[in-house]
């Protein structure tokens, strides 16, 4: 039963990732594209965690944590670049 739930969640999050990618490509302004990029990072983290649950290994959880930290820093850097024109003050 848990495998069916994991498969359904995997498909739903993959579809969400695809829709966020479409918003990233077609976004009407830069703010929408930054938000789509952040949404894609969160969805990718969820896919990595689901894959770790499916395979039963813990290394995927550690890689999800690293990816979360990198995703946060990159989103802040892109937002700061768009707002101020530079990343480092």
N, C-alpha and C. Protein backbone atom coordinates (compact mmCIF):
# COMPACT_ATOMS: atom_id res chain seq x y z
N UNK A 1 0.81 -1.19 0.00
CA UNK A 1 0.00 0.00 0.00
C UNK A 1 0.86 1.26 0.00
N UNK A 2 1.97 1.22 0.76
CA UNK A 2 2.84 2.39 0.83
C UNK A 2 3.53 2.64 -0.51
N UNK A 3 3.82 1.58 -1.25
CA UNK A 3 4.45 1.75 -2.56
C UNK A 3 3.52 2.44 -3.54
N UNK A 4 2.23 2.15 -3.46
CA UNK A 4 1.27 2.82 -4.33
C UNK A 4 1.19 4.30 -3.99
N UNK A 5 1.18 4.62 -2.70
CA UNK A 5 1.14 6.02 -2.27
C UNK A 5 2.42 6.75 -2.69
N UNK A 6 3.57 6.10 -2.59
CA UNK A 6 4.82 6.72 -3.03
C UNK A 6 4.82 6.97 -4.53
N UNK A 7 4.29 6.02 -5.30
CA UNK A 7 4.23 6.21 -6.75
C UNK A 7 3.30 7.35 -7.14
N UNK A 8 2.16 7.44 -6.48
CA UNK A 8 1.22 8.53 -6.76
C UNK A 8 1.84 9.87 -6.39
N UNK A 9 2.52 9.94 -5.25
CA UNK A 9 3.18 11.18 -4.84
C UNK A 9 4.29 11.55 -5.79
N UNK A 10 5.04 10.56 -6.26
CA UNK A 10 6.13 10.81 -7.21
C UNK A 10 5.58 11.41 -8.50
N UNK A 11 4.49 10.86 -9.01
CA UNK A 11 3.90 11.37 -10.25
C UNK A 11 3.35 12.78 -10.04
N UNK A 12 2.70 13.02 -8.91
CA UNK A 12 2.12 14.34 -8.65
C UNK A 12 3.21 15.41 -8.53
N UNK A 13 4.29 15.09 -7.85
CA UNK A 13 5.36 16.07 -7.69
C UNK A 13 6.11 16.26 -9.00
N UNK A 14 6.26 15.22 -9.78
CA UNK A 14 6.90 15.36 -11.09
C UNK A 14 6.05 16.24 -12.01
N UNK A 15 4.74 16.10 -11.95
CA UNK A 15 3.86 16.96 -12.73
C UNK A 15 3.97 18.41 -12.25
N UNK A 16 4.05 18.60 -10.95
CA UNK A 16 4.23 19.94 -10.40
C UNK A 16 5.55 20.54 -10.84
N UNK A 17 6.58 19.74 -10.91
CA UNK A 17 7.88 20.20 -11.37
C UNK A 17 7.81 20.62 -12.84
N UNK A 18 7.10 19.87 -13.63
CA UNK A 18 6.93 20.20 -15.05
C UNK A 18 6.17 21.52 -15.22
N UNK A 19 5.13 21.71 -14.45
CA UNK A 19 4.36 22.95 -14.53
C UNK A 19 5.18 24.16 -14.07
N UNK A 20 6.02 23.97 -13.06
CA UNK A 20 6.88 25.05 -12.62
C UNK A 20 7.93 25.38 -13.68
N UNK A 21 8.39 24.37 -14.41
CA UNK A 21 9.34 24.61 -15.49
C UNK A 21 8.70 25.41 -16.62
N UNK A 22 7.45 25.11 -16.90
CA UNK A 22 6.74 25.88 -17.91
C UNK A 22 6.61 27.34 -17.47
N UNK A 23 6.30 27.56 -16.19
CA UNK A 23 6.21 28.93 -15.67
C UNK A 23 7.56 29.61 -15.72
N UNK A 24 8.64 28.86 -15.50
CA UNK A 24 9.98 29.43 -15.57
C UNK A 24 10.28 29.91 -16.99
N UNK A 25 9.86 29.15 -17.98
CA UNK A 25 10.14 29.51 -19.37
C UNK A 25 9.21 30.59 -19.90
N UNK A 26 7.94 30.57 -19.48
CA UNK A 26 6.96 31.50 -20.02
C UNK A 26 6.61 32.65 -19.10
N UNK A 27 7.26 32.74 -17.95
CA UNK A 27 6.88 33.74 -16.94
C UNK A 27 6.79 35.14 -17.51
N UNK A 28 5.73 35.87 -17.17
CA UNK A 28 5.59 37.21 -17.74
C UNK A 28 6.63 38.20 -17.23
N UNK A 29 7.11 38.03 -16.01
CA UNK A 29 8.14 38.93 -15.51
C UNK A 29 9.17 38.14 -14.70
N UNK A 30 10.17 38.85 -14.24
CA UNK A 30 11.29 38.19 -13.57
C UNK A 30 10.89 37.61 -12.22
N UNK A 31 9.99 38.27 -11.51
CA UNK A 31 9.56 37.77 -10.21
C UNK A 31 8.90 36.41 -10.30
N UNK A 32 8.09 36.22 -11.34
CA UNK A 32 7.46 34.91 -11.55
C UNK A 32 8.49 33.84 -11.85
N UNK A 33 9.52 34.20 -12.57
CA UNK A 33 10.56 33.22 -12.90
C UNK A 33 11.38 32.83 -11.67
N UNK A 34 11.66 33.80 -10.80
CA UNK A 34 12.38 33.48 -9.56
C UNK A 34 11.53 32.58 -8.68
N UNK A 35 10.25 32.88 -8.57
CA UNK A 35 9.35 32.05 -7.78
C UNK A 35 9.24 30.64 -8.36
N UNK A 36 9.20 30.52 -9.68
CA UNK A 36 9.16 29.21 -10.33
C UNK A 36 10.44 28.43 -10.07
N UNK A 37 11.57 29.13 -10.08
CA UNK A 37 12.84 28.47 -9.79
C UNK A 37 12.87 27.94 -8.36
N UNK A 38 12.38 28.72 -7.42
CA UNK A 38 12.33 28.28 -6.03
C UNK A 38 11.37 27.10 -5.87
N UNK A 39 10.25 27.14 -6.57
CA UNK A 39 9.30 26.03 -6.53
C UNK A 39 9.91 24.76 -7.12
N UNK A 40 10.71 24.91 -8.16
CA UNK A 40 11.37 23.75 -8.74
C UNK A 40 12.38 23.14 -7.77
N UNK A 41 13.06 23.99 -7.00
CA UNK A 41 14.00 23.47 -6.01
C UNK A 41 13.27 22.67 -4.95
N UNK A 42 12.15 23.20 -4.46
CA UNK A 42 11.38 22.49 -3.44
C UNK A 42 10.83 21.17 -3.99
N UNK A 43 10.35 21.19 -5.22
CA UNK A 43 9.83 19.96 -5.83
C UNK A 43 10.94 18.94 -6.06
N UNK A 44 12.11 19.40 -6.43
CA UNK A 44 13.24 18.48 -6.61
C UNK A 44 13.65 17.85 -5.29
N UNK A 45 13.63 18.63 -4.22
CA UNK A 45 13.94 18.08 -2.90
C UNK A 45 12.92 17.01 -2.52
N UNK A 46 11.64 17.28 -2.81
CA UNK A 46 10.60 16.29 -2.51
C UNK A 46 10.81 15.01 -3.32
N UNK A 47 11.20 15.14 -4.58
CA UNK A 47 11.46 13.94 -5.40
C UNK A 47 12.64 13.14 -4.87
N UNK A 48 13.68 13.83 -4.42
CA UNK A 48 14.83 13.14 -3.87
C UNK A 48 14.45 12.38 -2.59
N UNK A 49 13.64 13.02 -1.74
CA UNK A 49 13.21 12.35 -0.50
C UNK A 49 12.33 11.16 -0.80
N UNK A 50 11.41 11.31 -1.77
CA UNK A 50 10.56 10.18 -2.14
C UNK A 50 11.37 9.02 -2.72
N UNK A 51 12.40 9.35 -3.48
CA UNK A 51 13.26 8.31 -4.03
C UNK A 51 14.01 7.59 -2.91
N UNK A 52 14.45 8.34 -1.91
CA UNK A 52 15.12 7.73 -0.76
C UNK A 52 14.18 6.83 0.02
N UNK A 53 12.92 7.25 0.16
CA UNK A 53 11.95 6.40 0.85
C UNK A 53 11.67 5.14 0.04
N UNK A 54 11.60 5.27 -1.26
CA UNK A 54 11.29 4.12 -2.13
C UNK A 54 12.42 3.10 -2.11
N UNK A 55 13.66 3.60 -2.15
CA UNK A 55 14.81 2.69 -2.19
C UNK A 55 15.27 2.26 -0.80
N UNK A 56 14.85 2.99 0.23
CA UNK A 56 15.19 2.60 1.59
C UNK A 56 16.62 2.92 2.00
N UNK A 57 17.24 3.91 1.37
CA UNK A 57 18.59 4.30 1.74
C UNK A 57 18.58 5.71 2.32
N UNK A 58 19.53 6.00 3.19
CA UNK A 58 19.56 7.29 3.86
C UNK A 58 20.42 8.33 3.15
N UNK A 59 21.20 7.94 2.18
CA UNK A 59 22.08 8.89 1.50
C UNK A 59 21.28 9.93 0.74
N UNK A 60 20.08 9.59 0.30
CA UNK A 60 19.25 10.54 -0.43
C UNK A 60 18.77 11.67 0.48
N UNK A 61 18.56 11.40 1.74
CA UNK A 61 18.13 12.44 2.67
C UNK A 61 19.24 13.46 2.90
N UNK A 62 20.46 12.98 2.98
CA UNK A 62 21.59 13.88 3.14
C UNK A 62 21.79 14.73 1.89
N UNK A 63 21.63 14.12 0.73
CA UNK A 63 21.76 14.89 -0.51
C UNK A 63 20.62 15.89 -0.64
N UNK A 64 19.44 15.58 -0.13
CA UNK A 64 18.33 16.53 -0.15
C UNK A 64 18.64 17.73 0.73
N UNK A 65 19.28 17.51 1.85
CA UNK A 65 19.66 18.63 2.72
C UNK A 65 20.68 19.54 2.04
N UNK A 66 21.65 18.97 1.39
CA UNK A 66 22.65 19.76 0.67
C UNK A 66 21.99 20.53 -0.47
N UNK A 67 21.11 19.88 -1.19
CA UNK A 67 20.41 20.53 -2.29
C UNK A 67 19.51 21.65 -1.79
N UNK A 68 18.92 21.48 -0.62
CA UNK A 68 18.08 22.53 -0.03
C UNK A 68 18.92 23.76 0.32
N UNK A 69 20.08 23.54 0.89
CA UNK A 69 20.95 24.67 1.22
C UNK A 69 21.41 25.40 -0.03
N UNK A 70 21.82 24.66 -1.04
CA UNK A 70 22.26 25.29 -2.29
C UNK A 70 21.11 26.00 -2.99
N UNK A 71 19.93 25.42 -2.95
CA UNK A 71 18.77 26.04 -3.57
C UNK A 71 18.38 27.34 -2.90
N UNK A 72 18.46 27.37 -1.57
CA UNK A 72 18.14 28.60 -0.84
C UNK A 72 19.13 29.70 -1.17
N UNK A 73 20.40 29.37 -1.16
CA UNK A 73 21.43 30.37 -1.45
C UNK A 73 21.31 30.88 -2.88
N UNK A 74 21.04 29.99 -3.82
CA UNK A 74 20.93 30.43 -5.21
C UNK A 74 19.69 31.29 -5.42
N UNK A 75 18.59 30.99 -4.76
CA UNK A 75 17.39 31.80 -4.90
C UNK A 75 17.61 33.20 -4.32
N UNK A 76 18.26 33.27 -3.19
CA UNK A 76 18.57 34.57 -2.59
C UNK A 76 19.53 35.35 -3.49
N UNK A 77 20.52 34.68 -4.06
CA UNK A 77 21.48 35.37 -4.93
C UNK A 77 20.80 35.91 -6.18
N UNK A 78 19.94 35.12 -6.79
CA UNK A 78 19.25 35.58 -8.00
C UNK A 78 18.31 36.74 -7.68
N UNK A 79 17.59 36.64 -6.58
CA UNK A 79 16.67 37.72 -6.19
C UNK A 79 17.45 39.00 -5.88
N UNK A 80 18.56 38.88 -5.19
CA UNK A 80 19.37 40.06 -4.89
C UNK A 80 19.96 40.67 -6.16
N UNK A 81 20.36 39.83 -7.10
CA UNK A 81 20.90 40.34 -8.36
C UNK A 81 19.83 41.08 -9.15
N UNK A 82 18.61 40.55 -9.15
CA UNK A 82 17.54 41.20 -9.89
C UNK A 82 17.17 42.54 -9.24
N UNK A 83 17.12 42.57 -7.92
CA UNK A 83 16.72 43.79 -7.23
C UNK A 83 17.80 44.87 -7.21
N UNK A 84 19.05 44.47 -6.98
CA UNK A 84 20.11 45.46 -6.78
C UNK A 84 21.12 45.54 -7.91
N UNK A 85 21.20 44.52 -8.73
CA UNK A 85 22.18 44.53 -9.80
C UNK A 85 23.51 43.91 -9.43
N UNK A 86 23.72 43.61 -8.15
CA UNK A 86 24.92 42.91 -7.73
C UNK A 86 24.57 41.94 -6.61
N UNK A 87 25.41 40.98 -6.40
CA UNK A 87 25.14 39.96 -5.40
C UNK A 87 25.84 40.30 -4.10
N UNK A 88 27.08 40.71 -4.19
CA UNK A 88 27.88 41.05 -3.00
C UNK A 88 27.90 42.55 -2.85
N UNK A 89 27.56 43.01 -1.65
CA UNK A 89 27.51 44.46 -1.42
C UNK A 89 28.87 45.02 -1.14
